[in-house]
Amino acid sequence: MSKLEEINEQLAEMEETALTADGFDDAILGIETSMNSKPRVVYSMTECINILMERDGMSYIDALEYFSYNVEGAYMGEQTPIWVDDMRFEVIRGEL
């Protein structure tokens, strides 16, 4: 079962829905649920950048710029996905 299918199953149990970012299913970390707000899907920015580089053949800089402007910058209302900036942790560990 994919991460997106797991998320959809959890949301169905809660009788909720959430917005997702097309093409970034492999970057899903989970869902965020808070009192008094709708659930939001949480994504890894590092994995989103990797997907753009691998899938679309972008350089790191191009993928980062595209992601920042077209994906992270797209507000879709109160259920806009959450983008976890986990890139700095990769740099600290020496993996980038």
Protein backbone atom coordinates (compact mmCIF):
# COMPACT_ATOMS: atom_id res chain seq x y z
CA MET A 1 0.00 0.00 0.00
CA SER A 2 1.38 3.40 -0.97
CA LYS A 3 1.75 6.24 1.52
CA LEU A 4 -1.04 8.13 -0.27
CA GLU A 5 -3.36 5.13 0.06
CA GLU A 6 -2.52 4.89 3.77
CA ILE A 7 -3.27 8.60 4.20
CA ASN A 8 -6.58 8.29 2.34
CA GLU A 9 -7.52 5.31 4.51
CA GLN A 10 -6.75 7.25 7.70
CA LEU A 11 -8.73 10.23 6.45
CA ALA A 12 -11.70 8.03 5.53
CA GLU A 13 -11.73 6.63 9.07
CA MET A 14 -11.81 10.21 10.37
CA GLU A 15 -14.50 11.09 7.79
CA GLU A 16 -12.21 13.82 6.45
CA THR A 17 -10.44 14.71 3.22
CA ALA A 18 -7.21 16.56 2.50
CA LEU A 19 -5.54 18.21 -0.47
CA THR A 20 -2.51 16.53 -2.05
CA ALA A 21 0.21 17.71 -4.41
CA ASP A 22 0.05 15.80 -7.70
CA GLY A 23 3.20 13.90 -8.55
CA PHE A 24 4.74 14.02 -5.08
CA ASP A 25 3.20 10.94 -3.47
CA ASP A 26 6.63 9.47 -2.65
CA ALA A 27 7.46 12.59 -0.62
CA ILE A 28 4.54 12.20 1.81
CA LEU A 29 5.59 12.00 5.46
CA GLY A 30 2.12 11.80 7.00
CA ILE A 31 -0.81 13.97 8.00
CA GLU A 32 -1.08 16.81 10.46
CA THR A 33 -4.17 17.00 12.59
CA SER A 34 -4.85 19.78 15.02
CA MET A 35 -7.86 20.68 17.04
CA ASN A 36 -10.09 23.17 15.31
CA SER A 37 -8.55 22.65 11.85
CA LYS A 38 -8.83 20.29 8.91
CA PRO A 39 -6.15 17.63 8.35
CA ARG A 40 -3.23 18.56 6.08
CA VAL A 41 -0.84 16.27 4.24
CA VAL A 42 2.83 16.73 5.20
CA TYR A 43 5.59 16.46 2.58
CA SER A 44 9.39 16.30 2.67
CA MET A 45 10.90 19.17 0.68
CA THR A 46 14.05 17.10 0.11
CA GLU A 47 12.06 14.31 -1.50
CA CYS A 48 10.04 16.78 -3.60
CA ILE A 49 13.29 18.27 -4.95
CA ASN A 50 14.64 14.76 -5.63
CA ILE A 51 11.46 13.86 -7.51
CA LEU A 52 11.78 16.95 -9.72
CA MET A 53 15.43 16.17 -10.45
CA GLU A 54 14.84 12.50 -11.23
CA ARG A 55 11.43 12.65 -12.92
CA ASP A 56 11.86 15.90 -14.83
CA GLY A 57 15.65 15.93 -15.30
CA MET A 58 16.08 19.26 -13.52
CA SER A 59 19.30 20.42 -11.94
CA TYR A 60 19.23 20.91 -8.16
CA ILE A 61 18.99 24.71 -8.52
CA ASP A 62 16.23 24.49 -11.15
CA ALA A 63 14.27 21.97 -9.06
CA LEU A 64 14.61 24.12 -5.92
CA GLU A 65 13.49 27.24 -7.78
CA TYR A 66 10.57 25.44 -9.45
CA PHE A 67 9.47 23.88 -6.17
CA SER A 68 9.71 27.15 -4.25
CA TYR A 69 7.67 29.13 -6.74
CA ASN A 70 5.21 26.61 -8.22
CA VAL A 71 4.64 24.08 -5.45
CA GLU A 72 5.45 25.55 -2.05
CA GLY A 73 4.17 28.96 -3.13
CA ALA A 74 0.77 27.67 -4.26
CA TYR A 75 -1.78 28.48 -1.56
CA MET A 76 -4.86 26.26 -1.81
CA GLY A 77 -6.78 27.36 1.25
CA GLU A 78 -6.82 26.07 4.79
CA GLN A 79 -5.89 22.56 3.69
CA THR A 80 -2.79 23.58 1.75
CA PRO A 81 -0.18 20.85 2.33
CA ILE A 82 2.64 21.39 4.80
CA TRP A 83 6.18 21.40 3.40
CA VAL A 84 8.80 20.26 5.93
CA ASP A 85 12.13 21.93 5.24
CA ASP A 86 14.25 18.87 6.01
CA MET A 87 17.00 19.89 3.57
CA ARG A 88 19.11 21.62 6.19
CA PHE A 89 19.22 18.41 8.22
CA GLU A 90 20.60 16.54 5.21
CA VAL A 91 23.34 19.17 4.83
CA ILE A 92 24.24 18.90 8.52
CA ARG A 93 24.57 15.13 8.20
CA GLY A 94 26.68 15.59 5.06
CA GLU A 95 24.27 13.84 2.72
CA LEU A 96 23.76 16.62 0.15
